[in-house]
N, C-alpha and C. Protein backbone atom coordinates (compact mmCIF):
# COMPACT_ATOMS: atom_id res chain seq x y z
N MET A 1 81.97 -109.30 4.91
CA MET A 1 81.60 -109.90 6.18
C MET A 1 82.88 -110.18 6.94
N SER A 2 82.91 -109.84 8.21
CA SER A 2 84.11 -110.07 9.01
C SER A 2 84.22 -111.53 9.39
N SER A 3 85.46 -111.99 9.45
CA SER A 3 85.72 -113.38 9.79
C SER A 3 85.85 -113.49 11.30
N MET A 4 85.13 -114.43 11.90
CA MET A 4 85.15 -114.59 13.35
C MET A 4 86.24 -115.57 13.79
N LEU A 5 86.95 -116.16 12.84
CA LEU A 5 88.00 -117.12 13.16
C LEU A 5 89.24 -116.39 13.65
N THR A 6 90.16 -117.13 14.27
CA THR A 6 91.42 -116.54 14.69
C THR A 6 92.17 -116.08 13.46
N ALA A 7 92.54 -114.82 13.44
CA ALA A 7 93.18 -114.24 12.26
C ALA A 7 94.65 -114.58 12.23
N VAL A 8 95.12 -114.94 11.07
CA VAL A 8 96.54 -115.17 10.84
C VAL A 8 97.12 -113.84 10.41
N ILE A 9 98.31 -113.53 10.86
CA ILE A 9 98.94 -112.27 10.50
C ILE A 9 99.05 -112.18 8.98
N LEU A 10 98.79 -111.02 8.44
CA LEU A 10 98.82 -110.70 7.01
C LEU A 10 97.68 -111.34 6.22
N SER A 11 96.65 -111.82 6.86
CA SER A 11 95.49 -112.31 6.14
C SER A 11 94.43 -111.21 6.11
N GLN A 12 93.56 -111.26 5.11
CA GLN A 12 92.52 -110.24 5.00
C GLN A 12 91.46 -110.47 6.07
N PRO A 13 91.04 -109.41 6.78
CA PRO A 13 90.08 -109.57 7.86
C PRO A 13 88.63 -109.73 7.38
N HIS A 14 88.37 -109.45 6.09
CA HIS A 14 87.00 -109.51 5.59
C HIS A 14 86.92 -110.36 4.33
N GLU A 15 85.75 -110.93 4.09
CA GLU A 15 85.45 -111.66 2.87
C GLU A 15 84.40 -110.86 2.11
N GLY A 16 84.28 -111.11 0.83
CA GLY A 16 83.18 -110.50 0.10
C GLY A 16 83.65 -109.63 -1.03
N PRO A 17 82.81 -108.87 -1.61
CA PRO A 17 81.45 -108.51 -1.22
C PRO A 17 80.44 -109.59 -1.60
N PHE A 18 79.35 -109.64 -0.85
CA PHE A 18 78.27 -110.58 -1.10
C PHE A 18 76.99 -109.79 -1.34
N PRO A 19 76.16 -110.21 -2.29
CA PRO A 19 74.92 -109.47 -2.56
C PRO A 19 73.90 -109.64 -1.44
N VAL A 20 73.21 -108.55 -1.12
CA VAL A 20 72.16 -108.57 -0.10
C VAL A 20 70.87 -109.04 -0.76
N ILE A 21 70.26 -110.07 -0.20
CA ILE A 21 68.99 -110.59 -0.73
C ILE A 21 67.84 -109.75 -0.19
N THR A 22 67.76 -109.62 1.14
CA THR A 22 66.72 -108.80 1.77
C THR A 22 67.26 -108.18 3.05
N LYS A 23 66.62 -107.08 3.43
CA LYS A 23 66.90 -106.45 4.72
C LYS A 23 65.75 -106.86 5.63
N ILE A 24 66.04 -107.69 6.63
CA ILE A 24 65.00 -108.21 7.51
C ILE A 24 64.53 -107.12 8.47
N ASN A 25 65.46 -106.44 9.13
CA ASN A 25 65.14 -105.27 9.94
C ASN A 25 66.38 -104.38 9.95
N ASP A 26 66.45 -103.40 10.86
CA ASP A 26 67.56 -102.46 10.86
C ASP A 26 68.90 -103.11 11.19
N THR A 27 68.90 -104.25 11.86
CA THR A 27 70.16 -104.86 12.28
C THR A 27 70.44 -106.22 11.68
N VAL A 28 69.52 -106.77 10.88
CA VAL A 28 69.69 -108.12 10.34
C VAL A 28 69.47 -108.09 8.82
N PHE A 29 70.41 -108.70 8.09
CA PHE A 29 70.33 -108.81 6.64
C PHE A 29 70.43 -110.27 6.22
N ARG A 30 69.79 -110.61 5.11
CA ARG A 30 69.95 -111.93 4.51
C ARG A 30 70.80 -111.71 3.26
N ILE A 31 71.98 -112.37 3.22
CA ILE A 31 72.91 -112.22 2.10
C ILE A 31 73.12 -113.55 1.40
N ASN A 32 73.64 -113.49 0.19
CA ASN A 32 74.00 -114.69 -0.55
C ASN A 32 75.47 -114.97 -0.26
N TYR A 33 75.73 -115.87 0.69
CA TYR A 33 77.09 -116.20 1.12
C TYR A 33 77.50 -117.52 0.50
N LYS A 34 78.38 -117.46 -0.50
CA LYS A 34 78.89 -118.65 -1.19
C LYS A 34 77.77 -119.52 -1.74
N GLY A 35 76.76 -118.85 -2.34
CA GLY A 35 75.66 -119.57 -2.96
C GLY A 35 74.52 -119.96 -2.04
N GLN A 36 74.64 -119.71 -0.75
CA GLN A 36 73.61 -120.07 0.22
C GLN A 36 73.07 -118.81 0.89
N PRO A 37 71.74 -118.67 1.04
CA PRO A 37 71.21 -117.53 1.78
C PRO A 37 71.55 -117.66 3.26
N THR A 38 72.15 -116.62 3.82
CA THR A 38 72.60 -116.63 5.21
C THR A 38 72.12 -115.37 5.91
N THR A 39 71.64 -115.49 7.14
CA THR A 39 71.21 -114.35 7.93
C THR A 39 72.39 -113.85 8.75
N ILE A 40 72.70 -112.56 8.60
CA ILE A 40 73.88 -111.95 9.23
C ILE A 40 73.48 -110.68 9.96
N ASN A 41 74.04 -110.47 11.15
CA ASN A 41 73.85 -109.24 11.91
C ASN A 41 74.68 -108.14 11.27
N VAL A 42 74.19 -106.91 11.36
CA VAL A 42 74.86 -105.77 10.75
C VAL A 42 76.25 -105.52 11.37
N ASP A 43 76.49 -105.99 12.59
CA ASP A 43 77.80 -105.82 13.23
C ASP A 43 78.89 -106.59 12.50
N ARG A 44 78.52 -107.63 11.76
CA ARG A 44 79.50 -108.42 11.02
C ARG A 44 79.65 -107.96 9.58
N LEU A 45 78.91 -106.93 9.17
CA LEU A 45 78.95 -106.44 7.80
C LEU A 45 79.76 -105.16 7.70
N LYS A 46 80.31 -104.93 6.51
CA LYS A 46 81.04 -103.71 6.21
C LYS A 46 80.58 -103.26 4.83
N PRO A 47 80.33 -101.96 4.61
CA PRO A 47 79.84 -101.54 3.30
C PRO A 47 80.89 -101.74 2.21
N ALA A 48 80.43 -102.08 1.02
CA ALA A 48 81.32 -102.23 -0.14
C ALA A 48 81.00 -101.10 -1.11
N PHE A 49 82.02 -100.37 -1.56
CA PHE A 49 81.86 -99.29 -2.52
C PHE A 49 82.43 -99.77 -3.84
N ILE A 50 81.55 -100.05 -4.80
CA ILE A 50 81.94 -100.60 -6.09
C ILE A 50 81.67 -99.55 -7.16
N GLU A 51 82.67 -99.30 -8.03
CA GLU A 51 82.51 -98.33 -9.10
C GLU A 51 81.57 -98.88 -10.16
N ALA A 52 80.73 -98.00 -10.68
CA ALA A 52 79.84 -98.39 -11.77
C ALA A 52 80.66 -98.50 -13.05
N THR A 53 80.41 -99.54 -13.82
CA THR A 53 81.13 -99.72 -15.08
C THR A 53 80.19 -99.47 -16.24
N GLU A 54 80.76 -99.01 -17.36
CA GLU A 54 79.98 -98.76 -18.56
C GLU A 54 79.86 -100.05 -19.35
N PRO A 55 78.81 -100.19 -20.15
CA PRO A 55 78.72 -101.36 -21.02
C PRO A 55 79.90 -101.42 -21.97
N GLN A 56 80.29 -102.62 -22.37
CA GLN A 56 81.48 -102.84 -23.18
C GLN A 56 81.42 -102.07 -24.50
N GLY A 57 80.28 -101.98 -25.16
CA GLY A 57 80.15 -101.30 -26.45
C GLY A 57 80.44 -99.82 -26.35
N GLN A 58 79.97 -99.15 -25.30
CA GLN A 58 80.19 -97.72 -25.15
C GLN A 58 81.65 -97.42 -24.87
N ARG A 59 82.30 -98.26 -24.09
CA ARG A 59 83.69 -98.02 -23.73
C ARG A 59 84.59 -98.11 -24.97
N ASN A 60 84.39 -99.10 -25.83
CA ASN A 60 85.21 -99.26 -27.03
C ASN A 60 85.01 -98.10 -27.99
N ALA A 61 83.79 -97.58 -28.11
CA ALA A 61 83.53 -96.46 -29.02
C ALA A 61 84.26 -95.22 -28.55
N GLU A 62 84.29 -94.98 -27.24
CA GLU A 62 84.97 -93.80 -26.72
C GLU A 62 86.48 -93.91 -26.86
N GLU A 63 87.03 -95.12 -26.70
CA GLU A 63 88.48 -95.29 -26.79
C GLU A 63 88.97 -95.15 -28.23
N SER A 64 88.13 -95.50 -29.22
CA SER A 64 88.57 -95.46 -30.61
C SER A 64 88.58 -94.05 -31.17
N GLU A 65 87.81 -93.13 -30.60
CA GLU A 65 87.78 -91.75 -31.09
C GLU A 65 89.06 -91.04 -30.67
N PRO A 66 89.68 -90.29 -31.62
CA PRO A 66 90.88 -89.54 -31.24
C PRO A 66 90.52 -88.38 -30.33
N GLN A 67 91.32 -88.19 -29.32
CA GLN A 67 91.10 -87.11 -28.37
C GLN A 67 91.86 -85.87 -28.83
N PRO A 68 91.22 -84.70 -28.83
CA PRO A 68 91.94 -83.49 -29.22
C PRO A 68 93.00 -83.15 -28.18
N GLY A 69 94.19 -82.84 -28.65
CA GLY A 69 95.29 -82.49 -27.76
C GLY A 69 95.27 -81.02 -27.44
N PRO A 70 96.07 -80.59 -26.49
CA PRO A 70 96.14 -79.17 -26.18
C PRO A 70 96.76 -78.41 -27.35
N SER A 71 96.31 -77.16 -27.55
CA SER A 71 96.81 -76.36 -28.67
C SER A 71 98.27 -75.99 -28.47
N ASN A 72 98.70 -75.82 -27.24
CA ASN A 72 100.09 -75.47 -26.96
C ASN A 72 100.76 -76.70 -26.36
N ALA A 73 101.65 -77.32 -27.12
CA ALA A 73 102.31 -78.54 -26.66
C ALA A 73 103.30 -78.27 -25.53
N ASN A 74 103.90 -77.08 -25.50
CA ASN A 74 104.86 -76.74 -24.45
C ASN A 74 104.13 -76.11 -23.28
N PRO A 75 104.31 -76.61 -22.07
CA PRO A 75 103.64 -76.01 -20.91
C PRO A 75 104.21 -74.63 -20.61
N ASP A 76 103.40 -73.81 -19.97
CA ASP A 76 103.83 -72.46 -19.61
C ASP A 76 104.86 -72.55 -18.49
N THR A 77 106.09 -72.13 -18.77
CA THR A 77 107.17 -72.20 -17.78
C THR A 77 107.50 -70.83 -17.21
N SER A 78 106.65 -69.82 -17.49
CA SER A 78 106.96 -68.49 -16.98
C SER A 78 106.72 -68.39 -15.48
N HIS A 79 105.85 -69.19 -14.93
CA HIS A 79 105.57 -69.16 -13.49
C HIS A 79 106.26 -70.35 -12.84
N ILE A 80 107.28 -70.09 -12.05
CA ILE A 80 107.99 -71.13 -11.33
C ILE A 80 107.70 -70.94 -9.85
N PRO A 81 107.06 -71.91 -9.20
CA PRO A 81 106.77 -71.75 -7.77
C PRO A 81 108.06 -71.75 -6.95
N ARG A 82 108.08 -70.90 -5.96
CA ARG A 82 109.26 -70.80 -5.10
C ARG A 82 108.92 -71.29 -3.71
N LYS A 83 109.91 -71.83 -3.05
CA LYS A 83 109.73 -72.32 -1.70
C LYS A 83 109.66 -71.13 -0.75
N SER A 84 108.65 -71.12 0.09
CA SER A 84 108.47 -70.05 1.05
C SER A 84 109.32 -70.34 2.29
N THR A 85 110.16 -69.39 2.67
CA THR A 85 110.97 -69.55 3.88
C THR A 85 110.59 -68.45 4.85
N LYS A 86 109.91 -68.82 5.90
CA LYS A 86 109.52 -67.86 6.92
C LYS A 86 110.36 -68.12 8.16
N ALA A 87 110.85 -67.05 8.74
CA ALA A 87 111.67 -67.16 9.94
C ALA A 87 110.76 -67.37 11.15
N VAL A 88 111.11 -68.32 11.98
CA VAL A 88 110.37 -68.59 13.20
C VAL A 88 111.20 -68.09 14.36
N ARG A 89 110.62 -67.22 15.17
CA ARG A 89 111.35 -66.64 16.30
C ARG A 89 110.62 -67.01 17.59
N PHE A 90 111.39 -67.43 18.57
CA PHE A 90 110.84 -67.80 19.86
C PHE A 90 111.19 -66.73 20.89
N ALA A 91 110.27 -66.43 21.78
CA ALA A 91 110.52 -65.44 22.83
C ALA A 91 111.45 -66.05 23.87
N THR A 92 112.48 -65.29 24.25
CA THR A 92 113.42 -65.78 25.26
C THR A 92 113.41 -64.92 26.49
């Protein structure tokens, strides 16, 4: 949610994320703002993109299993990329 107060330099312009309780209509949402249900216009909201996390038990099981390494420990050094130098000519 954007802060409507006078912004101090180097302060974050948004607070949150806050969970949406209900969508009242296309432009108004009811959110849980600091423990209180608050009605907010969509103009004051910004979407939050949160990564999904795995349950703790699955993550520990995957980390404990040894990962197979590459069969060739030395990387292929036969192909060395070269810098392309193209001449630029201007009409005079």
